[in-house]
Amino acid sequence: MILHANCKINLGLDILRRREDGFHDLETVMIPVSGLYDVVEVERVEGTSIFEQRGLVVDCDAEQNLCMKALRLMQRLYGVGEVRITLDKRVPFGAGLGGGSSDATSVILAVNELFELGLSEDRLVEIAAMIGSDTAFFVRNTPQLCTGRGEKMTPIELPLQGKYLAIAKPNEGVSTKEAYVGVKPAVPQVRLSELLQRPIEEWQGAVKNDFENHIFVAHPAIAELKKTMLNAGAVYASMSGSGSAVFGLFESAPQIEIADSNYLKIMRL
């Protein structure tokens, strides 16, 4: 079974408060990006489960990869058998694009199908949320207003069809720990869901990512990419999630020049 594990971008990201369990309550809108994805192949095997990877190299032990963590979770919950997982990694990691989370959700969805578990969407969301804060989003994989620690979702409609999306990433990453250490939680006067109902031309400066201020200080290359997007004519540009990727929304196909060491992909929504 082959799945395209697409990434996502965040339209706005407000960190509201730190919770007693150590997580943070947040509010963000996640948008699936179908044009940028990892390829995840899952097939049943006899004996021992196997994890194979090609493409971009993620330097971690196989059992620590989110794909295998998702498989082990399904095995604990439902006693399913062994599988071979082949991951063709194409989405940059350490980027705030949710590539690893999407891979994990793809494994959960594949195991549900291959072993005929018949799990409901609500149950799949619950299981995916056990892996990480944004993993549940990829079960629905449609624009969602995400609250709680990211696992509580409400569908949202946004006027993005036909626009062009550019995603760029410098040759450096940002860890989730680094992002949260420097953030200052606060409840905004105007909620994100209300801001996004304004015309897209009014988003810049109003729809913000709370990670940007301190991340830009620590990583000037990320701030520079955002400036590049705006200078190229983006109607809105922002860092995605905890970074280090930056995206821009354009009315027409943009002409963007960045350093060869950086990543750039342009696609139509």
Foldseek 3Di string as FASTA:
>chain_A
DKDWLFWKFWFFKAFAAQDPVRFTKIKIKIATDSVFTKIKDKDDDPDAAAEAEAADDDPDDPCPQLQNVLVVLCCVVPVDHHMYIYIYDGDDPLFLGCHSLSNSLVSNVVSCVNVVVPDDLVVSLVSSVVSDQQSSVNSVNHIWTATDSRSDTDHDDAPAAFKKKKKKAALDHDDPVNQVVPFDHHDDPDDPNVLRVDPLLPSAPPRAYRSPPVVCVVPVVQVVVQVQQVVQPFSDKYRGHNRDMIMGIGNDFTDGDDDPNMDMDMDGD
